[in-house]
Amino acid sequence: CSSSPWAYPLSHMAASLSKHGVEIVKKFVPPFGSWPIKAAARIGMVRALGLQHSDLYLCPVPFLLEDALIPATILGRVIPYVFDCWPKYYDRWEKLFRRHKVKLAFITSQHAVSSMRSRLPAVEFAWLPEAIGIQDYIRGQALDERTIDVLELGRRHAEYHSIITSCIPASSHKFELSAGELVFPGGIDALAKGFAQARISVCFPPSVTNPLDRNADTMT
């Protein structure tokens, strides 16, 4: 799994599947690097070659990163587990599912599942929301002993952020300072410690932060 925060739930999923006898396969990275594969995927040159009775591969696919299906789509049949399937990219997602001859796909957004079912009725789409394993998180101290008043993770709600910023000290307000910057760098352990110091944690879906994404209903 990736070391990015979006992939933290995947580590728990992999551990659980492994306990139930599912083999976990590490993504193959060729010795010459992955850029040729990514380039080929972006222009639609990567196609499913797996035979009808070949192995099945459950592949996490964040935001149209088609190279995440390689080499599984060549070796067998893929079952994508899709993140960030936003309405404005539905046409591209539909083409991806067609290219890889997908018969079953899991998507984190209920609205996306409904839309893809209408676009590709021969494909089975199922809603599979993200989840966490609570064993990696910390109960934390009493609320009055914590040092962070408000923790904002993920995409920013501009109006909410402006109001909160004007109401509480900067030292007790944690949020992403620049796009892509981690609030708690250092992996899931650092994130767990950060959560344990927060009195209030907020996260908004795109349907709230962006009027153009009103049907994007997940909080990633």
C-alpha atoms as a PDB file:
ATOM      1  CA  CYS A   1       0.000   0.000   0.000  1.00  0.00           C
ATOM      2  CA  SER A   2       0.980   3.593  -0.468  1.00  0.00           C
ATOM      3  CA  SER A   3       2.292   5.517   2.550  1.00  0.00           C
ATOM      4  CA  SER A   4      -0.159   8.357   1.850  1.00  0.00           C
ATOM      5  CA  PRO A   5      -3.007   8.923   4.344  1.00  0.00           C
ATOM      6  CA  TRP A   6      -5.671   7.864   1.827  1.00  0.00           C
ATOM      7  CA  ALA A   7      -4.105   4.397   1.885  1.00  0.00           C
ATOM      8  CA  TYR A   8      -4.205   3.895   5.669  1.00  0.00           C
ATOM      9  CA  PRO A   9      -7.573   2.047   5.524  1.00  0.00           C
ATOM     10  CA  LEU A  10      -6.152  -0.233   2.848  1.00  0.00           C
ATOM     11  CA  SER A  11      -3.524  -1.579   5.230  1.00  0.00           C
ATOM     12  CA  HIS A  12      -6.311  -2.703   7.573  1.00  0.00           C
ATOM     13  CA  MET A  13      -8.226  -4.236   4.668  1.00  0.00           C
ATOM     14  CA  ALA A  14      -5.136  -6.116   3.499  1.00  0.00           C
ATOM     15  CA  ALA A  15      -4.487  -7.469   7.007  1.00  0.00           C
ATOM     16  CA  SER A  16      -8.087  -8.624   7.352  1.00  0.00           C
ATOM     17  CA  LEU A  17      -8.164 -10.283   3.932  1.00  0.00           C
ATOM     18  CA  SER A  18      -4.868 -12.006   4.678  1.00  0.00           C
ATOM     19  CA  LYS A  19      -6.346 -13.500   7.863  1.00  0.00           C
ATOM     20  CA  HIS A  20      -9.109 -14.992   5.730  1.00  0.00           C
ATOM     21  CA  GLY A  21      -6.683 -16.656   3.348  1.00  0.00           C
ATOM     22  CA  VAL A  22      -6.471 -14.061   0.577  1.00  0.00           C
ATOM     23  CA  GLU A  23      -2.956 -13.725  -0.843  1.00  0.00           C
ATOM     24  CA  ILE A  24      -1.618 -10.168  -0.710  1.00  0.00           C
ATOM     25  CA  VAL A  25       0.478  -9.375  -3.794  1.00  0.00           C
ATOM     26  CA  LYS A  26       2.925  -6.492  -3.765  1.00  0.00           C
ATOM     27  CA  LYS A  27       2.583  -4.196  -6.756  1.00  0.00           C
ATOM     28  CA  PHE A  28       5.176  -4.940  -9.407  1.00  0.00           C
ATOM     29  CA  VAL A  29       7.530  -2.092 -10.313  1.00  0.00           C
ATOM     30  CA  PRO A  30       9.739  -2.848 -13.353  1.00  0.00           C
ATOM     31  CA  PRO A  31      13.499  -2.233 -13.074  1.00  0.00           C
ATOM     32  CA  PHE A  32      13.310   0.605 -15.623  1.00  0.00           C
ATOM     33  CA  GLY A  33      10.734   2.434 -13.499  1.00  0.00           C
ATOM     34  CA  SER A  34       6.976   2.747 -13.752  1.00  0.00           C
ATOM     35  CA  TRP A  35       6.794   5.850 -15.970  1.00  0.00           C
ATOM     36  CA  PRO A  36       6.348   3.952 -19.305  1.00  0.00           C
ATOM     37  CA  ILE A  37       3.437   2.003 -17.824  1.00  0.00           C
ATOM     38  CA  LYS A  38       1.834   5.160 -16.449  1.00  0.00           C
ATOM     39  CA  ALA A  39       2.260   6.914 -19.791  1.00  0.00           C
ATOM     40  CA  ALA A  40       0.695   3.990 -21.658  1.00  0.00           C
ATOM     41  CA  ALA A  41      -2.214   3.872 -19.210  1.00  0.00           C
ATOM     42  CA  ARG A  42      -2.906   7.583 -19.613  1.00  0.00           C
ATOM     43  CA  ILE A  43      -3.390   7.271 -23.371  1.00  0.00           C
ATOM     44  CA  GLY A  44      -5.491   4.130 -23.133  1.00  0.00           C
ATOM     45  CA  MET A  45      -2.908   1.643 -24.416  1.00  0.00           C
ATOM     46  CA  VAL A  46      -3.235  -0.669 -21.403  1.00  0.00           C
ATOM     47  CA  ARG A  47      -5.863  -3.346 -21.985  1.00  0.00           C
ATOM     48  CA  ALA A  48      -7.150  -6.395 -20.152  1.00  0.00           C
ATOM     49  CA  LEU A  49      -5.509  -9.614 -21.321  1.00  0.00           C
ATOM     50  CA  GLY A  50      -6.503 -11.927 -18.483  1.00  0.00           C
ATOM     51  CA  LEU A  51      -8.331 -15.111 -19.480  1.00  0.00           C
ATOM     52  CA  GLN A  52     -11.886 -15.824 -18.378  1.00  0.00           C
ATOM     53  CA  HIS A  53     -10.804 -18.426 -15.826  1.00  0.00           C
ATOM     54  CA  SER A  54      -7.617 -16.742 -14.630  1.00  0.00           C
ATOM     55  CA  ASP A  55      -6.951 -15.376 -11.140  1.00  0.00           C
ATOM     56  CA  LEU A  56      -8.906 -12.476  -9.671  1.00  0.00           C
ATOM     57  CA  TYR A  57      -7.095  -9.405  -8.337  1.00  0.00           C
ATOM     58  CA  LEU A  58      -8.661  -6.808  -6.033  1.00  0.00           C
ATOM     59  CA  CYS A  59      -6.886  -3.574  -6.966  1.00  0.00           C
ATOM     60  CA  PRO A  60      -7.242  -0.215  -5.153  1.00  0.00           C
ATOM     61  CA  VAL A  61      -7.525   2.534  -7.777  1.00  0.00           C
ATOM     62  CA  PRO A  62      -7.362   6.131  -6.499  1.00  0.00           C
ATOM     63  CA  PHE A  63      -8.331   8.996  -8.821  1.00  0.00           C
ATOM     64  CA  LEU A  64      -8.039   7.340 -12.252  1.00  0.00           C
ATOM     65  CA  LEU A  65      -4.509   6.025 -11.608  1.00  0.00           C
ATOM     66  CA  GLU A  66      -4.898   3.278 -14.164  1.00  0.00           C
ATOM     67  CA  ASP A  67      -1.386   1.958 -13.676  1.00  0.00           C
ATOM     68  CA  ALA A  68      -2.630   0.599 -10.326  1.00  0.00           C
ATOM     69  CA  LEU A  69      -4.242  -2.189 -12.358  1.00  0.00           C
ATOM     70  CA  ILE A  70      -0.906  -3.294 -13.833  1.00  0.00           C
ATOM     71  CA  PRO A  71       0.240  -6.058 -14.105  1.00  0.00           C
ATOM     72  CA  ALA A  72      -2.934  -7.589 -12.637  1.00  0.00           C
ATOM     73  CA  THR A  73      -5.013  -6.727 -15.714  1.00  0.00           C
ATOM     74  CA  ILE A  74      -2.444  -8.606 -17.846  1.00  0.00           C
ATOM     75  CA  LEU A  75      -2.082 -11.622 -15.557  1.00  0.00           C
ATOM     76  CA  GLY A  76      -5.734 -12.117 -14.636  1.00  0.00           C
ATOM     77  CA  ARG A  77      -9.067 -10.376 -14.104  1.00  0.00           C
ATOM     78  CA  VAL A  78      -9.255  -7.219 -12.006  1.00  0.00           C
ATOM     79  CA  ILE A  79     -11.807  -6.101  -9.433  1.00  0.00           C
ATOM     80  CA  PRO A  80     -11.126  -2.377  -8.925  1.00  0.00           C
ATOM     81  CA  TYR A  81     -11.708  -0.762  -5.531  1.00  0.00           C
ATOM     82  CA  VAL A  82     -12.273   2.822  -6.643  1.00  0.00           C
ATOM     83  CA  PHE A  83     -11.643   6.068  -4.736  1.00  0.00           C
ATOM     84  CA  ASP A  84     -12.336   9.630  -5.885  1.00  0.00           C
ATOM     85  CA  CYS A  85     -14.887   8.686  -8.537  1.00  0.00           C
ATOM     86  CA  TRP A  86     -16.266  12.201  -9.006  1.00  0.00           C
ATOM     87  CA  PRO A  87     -19.163  13.092 -11.371  1.00  0.00           C
ATOM     88  CA  LYS A  88     -17.044  15.270 -13.663  1.00  0.00           C
ATOM     89  CA  TYR A  89     -14.841  12.259 -14.418  1.00  0.00           C
ATOM     90  CA  TYR A  90     -17.578   9.644 -14.924  1.00  0.00           C
ATOM     91  CA  ASP A  91     -16.887   9.424 -18.677  1.00  0.00           C
ATOM     92  CA  ARG A  92     -13.241   8.584 -18.024  1.00  0.00           C
ATOM     93  CA  TRP A  93     -14.106   6.035 -15.353  1.00  0.00           C
ATOM     94  CA  GLU A  94     -16.565   4.363 -17.724  1.00  0.00           C
ATOM     95  CA  LYS A  95     -13.858   4.027 -20.377  1.00  0.00           C
ATOM     96  CA  LEU A  96     -11.460   2.572 -17.804  1.00  0.00           C
ATOM     97  CA  PHE A  97     -13.981  -0.083 -16.764  1.00  0.00           C
ATOM     98  CA  ARG A  98     -14.606  -0.969 -20.404  1.00  0.00           C
ATOM     99  CA  ARG A  99     -10.888  -1.178 -21.287  1.00  0.00           C
ATOM    100  CA  HIS A 100     -10.205  -3.593 -18.480  1.00  0.00           C
ATOM    101  CA  LYS A 101     -13.328  -5.703 -19.056  1.00  0.00           C
ATOM    102  CA  VAL A 102     -14.415  -5.203 -15.482  1.00  0.00           C
ATOM    103  CA  LYS A 103     -17.242  -7.462 -14.291  1.00  0.00           C
ATOM    104  CA  LEU A 104     -17.283  -6.328 -10.653  1.00  0.00           C
ATOM    105  CA  ALA A 105     -16.090  -3.093  -9.055  1.00  0.00           C
ATOM    106  CA  PHE A 106     -16.316  -1.578  -5.589  1.00  0.00           C
ATOM    107  CA  ILE A 107     -16.683   2.205  -5.258  1.00  0.00           C
ATOM    108  CA  THR A 108     -16.551   4.356  -2.116  1.00  0.00           C
ATOM    109  CA  SER A 109     -19.301   6.728  -3.330  1.00  0.00           C
ATOM    110  CA  GLN A 110     -22.960   5.681  -3.346  1.00  0.00           C
ATOM    111  CA  HIS A 111     -23.839   8.207  -6.045  1.00  0.00           C
ATOM    112  CA  ALA A 112     -21.029   6.928  -8.268  1.00  0.00           C
ATOM    113  CA  VAL A 113     -22.275   3.365  -7.850  1.00  0.00           C
ATOM    114  CA  SER A 114     -25.767   4.388  -8.984  1.00  0.00           C
ATOM    115  CA  SER A 115     -24.417   6.334 -11.969  1.00  0.00           C
ATOM    116  CA  MET A 116     -22.083   3.575 -13.122  1.00  0.00           C
ATOM    117  CA  ARG A 117     -24.856   0.985 -12.875  1.00  0.00           C
ATOM    118  CA  SER A 118     -26.918   3.015 -15.334  1.00  0.00           C
ATOM    119  CA  ARG A 119     -23.944   3.506 -17.662  1.00  0.00           C
ATOM    120  CA  LEU A 120     -22.718  -0.095 -17.565  1.00  0.00           C
ATOM    121  CA  PRO A 121     -25.646  -2.379 -16.680  1.00  0.00           C
ATOM    122  CA  ALA A 122     -23.637  -5.524 -17.474  1.00  0.00           C
ATOM    123  CA  VAL A 123     -21.116  -4.678 -14.730  1.00  0.00           C
ATOM    124  CA  GLU A 124     -21.835  -5.275 -11.059  1.00  0.00           C
ATOM    125  CA  PHE A 125     -21.033  -2.175  -8.980  1.00  0.00           C
ATOM    126  CA  ALA A 126     -21.128  -2.298  -5.180  1.00  0.00           C
ATOM    127  CA  TRP A 127     -20.760   0.405  -2.551  1.00  0.00           C
ATOM    128  CA  LEU A 128     -17.791  -0.202  -0.269  1.00  0.00           C
ATOM    129  CA  PRO A 129     -17.127   2.821   1.989  1.00  0.00           C
ATOM    130  CA  GLU A 130     -13.762   3.376   3.564  1.00  0.00           C
ATOM    131  CA  ALA A 131     -13.225   2.195   7.109  1.00  0.00           C
ATOM    132  CA  ILE A 132     -10.461   2.053   9.686  1.00  0.00           C
ATOM    133  CA  GLY A 133      -9.140  -0.382  12.256  1.00  0.00           C
ATOM    134  CA  ILE A 134      -9.589   1.287  15.642  1.00  0.00           C
ATOM    135  CA  GLN A 135      -6.725  -0.729  17.100  1.00  0.00           C
ATOM    136  CA  ASP A 136      -4.233   1.743  15.597  1.00  0.00           C
ATOM    137  CA  TYR A 137      -5.822   4.768  17.254  1.00  0.00           C
ATOM    138  CA  ILE A 138      -5.447   6.157  20.752  1.00  0.00           C
ATOM    139  CA  ARG A 139      -8.221   6.894  23.224  1.00  0.00           C
ATOM    140  CA  GLY A 140      -6.520  10.107  24.292  1.00  0.00           C
ATOM    141  CA  GLN A 141      -6.778  12.272  27.384  1.00  0.00           C
ATOM    142  CA  ALA A 142      -9.835  14.016  28.768  1.00  0.00           C
ATOM    143  CA  LEU A 143     -11.048  16.784  26.442  1.00  0.00           C
ATOM    144  CA  ASP A 144      -9.977  19.592  28.787  1.00  0.00           C
ATOM    145  CA  GLU A 145      -6.414  18.228  28.753  1.00  0.00           C
ATOM    146  CA  ARG A 146      -5.990  18.182  24.977  1.00  0.00           C
ATOM    147  CA  THR A 147      -3.941  20.801  23.141  1.00  0.00           C
ATOM    148  CA  ILE A 148      -5.796  21.097  19.810  1.00  0.00           C
ATOM    149  CA  ASP A 149      -9.183  22.823  19.843  1.00  0.00           C
ATOM    150  CA  VAL A 150     -10.074  22.152  16.196  1.00  0.00           C
ATOM    151  CA  LEU A 151      -8.436  19.782  13.732  1.00  0.00           C
ATOM    152  CA  GLU A 152      -9.308  20.180  10.029  1.00  0.00           C
ATOM    153  CA  LEU A 153      -8.249  17.272   7.844  1.00  0.00           C
ATOM    154  CA  GLY A 154      -8.547  16.918   4.098  1.00  0.00           C
ATOM    155  CA  ARG A 155     -10.224  19.440   1.806  1.00  0.00           C
ATOM    156  CA  ARG A 156     -10.972  22.831   3.293  1.00  0.00           C
ATOM    157  CA  HIS A 157     -14.396  24.404   3.721  1.00  0.00           C
ATOM    158  CA  ALA A 158     -13.459  28.055   3.158  1.00  0.00           C
ATOM    159  CA  GLU A 159     -16.315  29.650   5.103  1.00  0.00           C
ATOM    160  CA  TYR A 160     -15.999  27.302   8.077  1.00  0.00           C
ATOM    161  CA  HIS A 161     -12.230  27.704   8.118  1.00  0.00           C
ATOM    162  CA  SER A 162     -12.481  31.491   8.112  1.00  0.00           C
ATOM    163  CA  ILE A 163     -14.923  31.535  11.035  1.00  0.00           C
ATOM    164  CA  ILE A 164     -12.917  29.079  13.133  1.00  0.00           C
ATOM    165  CA  THR A 165      -9.649  30.883  12.433  1.00  0.00           C
ATOM    166  CA  SER A 166     -11.121  34.091  13.810  1.00  0.00           C
ATOM    167  CA  CYS A 167     -12.417  32.414  16.964  1.00  0.00           C
ATOM    168  CA  ILE A 168      -9.577  30.338  18.371  1.00  0.00           C
ATOM    169  CA  PRO A 169      -5.815  30.782  18.888  1.00  0.00           C
ATOM    170  CA  ALA A 170      -3.605  29.702  16.010  1.00  0.00           C
ATOM    171  CA  SER A 171      -1.647  27.452  18.360  1.00  0.00           C
ATOM    172  CA  SER A 172      -4.715  25.277  18.991  1.00  0.00           C
ATOM    173  CA  HIS A 173      -5.942  25.136  15.387  1.00  0.00           C
ATOM    174  CA  LYS A 174      -4.416  22.492  13.097  1.00  0.00           C
ATOM    175  CA  PHE A 175      -5.035  22.353   9.349  1.00  0.00           C
ATOM    176  CA  GLU A 176      -3.334  21.852   5.993  1.00  0.00           C
ATOM    177  CA  LEU A 177      -1.183  24.954   5.398  1.00  0.00           C
ATOM    178  CA  SER A 178      -0.660  24.259   1.697  1.00  0.00           C
ATOM    179  CA  ALA A 179      -2.227  21.802  -0.748  1.00  0.00           C
ATOM    180  CA  GLY A 180      -0.883  18.310  -0.290  1.00  0.00           C
ATOM    181  CA  GLU A 181       0.933  19.062   2.964  1.00  0.00           C
ATOM    182  CA  LEU A 182       0.318  16.564   5.764  1.00  0.00           C
ATOM    183  CA  VAL A 183      -1.012  17.963   9.027  1.00  0.00           C
ATOM    184  CA  PHE A 184       0.705  15.119  10.890  1.00  0.00           C
ATOM    185  CA  PRO A 185       3.661  13.799   8.851  1.00  0.00           C
ATOM    186  CA  GLY A 186       5.105  10.519  10.033  1.00  0.00           C
ATOM    187  CA  GLY A 187       2.556   7.895   9.062  1.00  0.00           C
ATOM    188  CA  ILE A 188      -0.444   6.448  10.812  1.00  0.00           C
ATOM    189  CA  ASP A 189       1.215   6.576  14.251  1.00  0.00           C
ATOM    190  CA  ALA A 190       1.646  10.349  13.979  1.00  0.00           C
ATOM    191  CA  LEU A 191      -1.948  10.706  12.776  1.00  0.00           C
ATOM    192  CA  ALA A 192      -3.240   8.659  15.711  1.00  0.00           C
ATOM    193  CA  LYS A 193      -1.329  10.830  18.195  1.00  0.00           C
ATOM    194  CA  GLY A 194      -2.680  13.956  16.524  1.00  0.00           C
ATOM    195  CA  PHE A 195      -6.272  12.762  16.709  1.00  0.00           C
ATOM    196  CA  ALA A 196      -5.773  11.954  20.383  1.00  0.00           C
ATOM    197  CA  GLN A 197      -4.848  15.606  21.053  1.00  0.00           C
ATOM    198  CA  ALA A 198      -7.875  17.081  19.253  1.00  0.00           C
ATOM    199  CA  ARG A 199     -11.076  18.161  20.965  1.00  0.00           C
ATOM    200  CA  ILE A 200     -12.957  18.536  17.668  1.00  0.00           C
ATOM    201  CA  SER A 201     -12.066  16.961  14.312  1.00  0.00           C
ATOM    202  CA  VAL A 202     -13.820  18.000  11.100  1.00  0.00           C
ATOM    203  CA  CYS A 203     -13.725  16.721   7.532  1.00  0.00           C
ATOM    204  CA  PHE A 204     -15.969  17.797   4.646  1.00  0.00           C
ATOM    205  CA  PRO A 205     -16.973  15.911   1.489  1.00  0.00           C
ATOM    206  CA  PRO A 206     -16.671  17.628  -1.919  1.00  0.00           C
ATOM    207  CA  SER A 207     -20.470  17.918  -2.045  1.00  0.00           C
ATOM    208  CA  VAL A 208     -20.182  20.527   0.725  1.00  0.00           C
ATOM    209  CA  THR A 209     -16.996  22.340  -0.283  1.00  0.00           C
ATOM    210  CA  ASN A 210     -17.590  22.574  -4.041  1.00  0.00           C
ATOM    211  CA  PRO A 211     -21.017  23.312  -5.594  1.00  0.00           C
ATOM    212  CA  LEU A 212     -19.876  21.644  -8.832  1.00  0.00           C
ATOM    213  CA  ASP A 213     -19.324  18.377  -6.955  1.00  0.00           C
ATOM    214  CA  ARG A 214     -22.677  18.283  -5.168  1.00  0.00           C
ATOM    215  CA  ASN A 215     -22.993  14.543  -5.813  1.00  0.00           C
ATOM    216  CA  ALA A 216     -19.479  13.700  -4.549  1.00  0.00           C
ATOM    217  CA  ASP A 217     -20.503  12.281  -1.216  1.00  0.00           C
ATOM    218  CA  THR A 218     -17.380  10.739   0.321  1.00  0.00           C
ATOM    219  CA  MET A 219     -14.906  12.086   2.861  1.00  0.00           C
ATOM    220  CA  THR A 220     -11.407  10.986   1.788  1.00  0.00           C
END
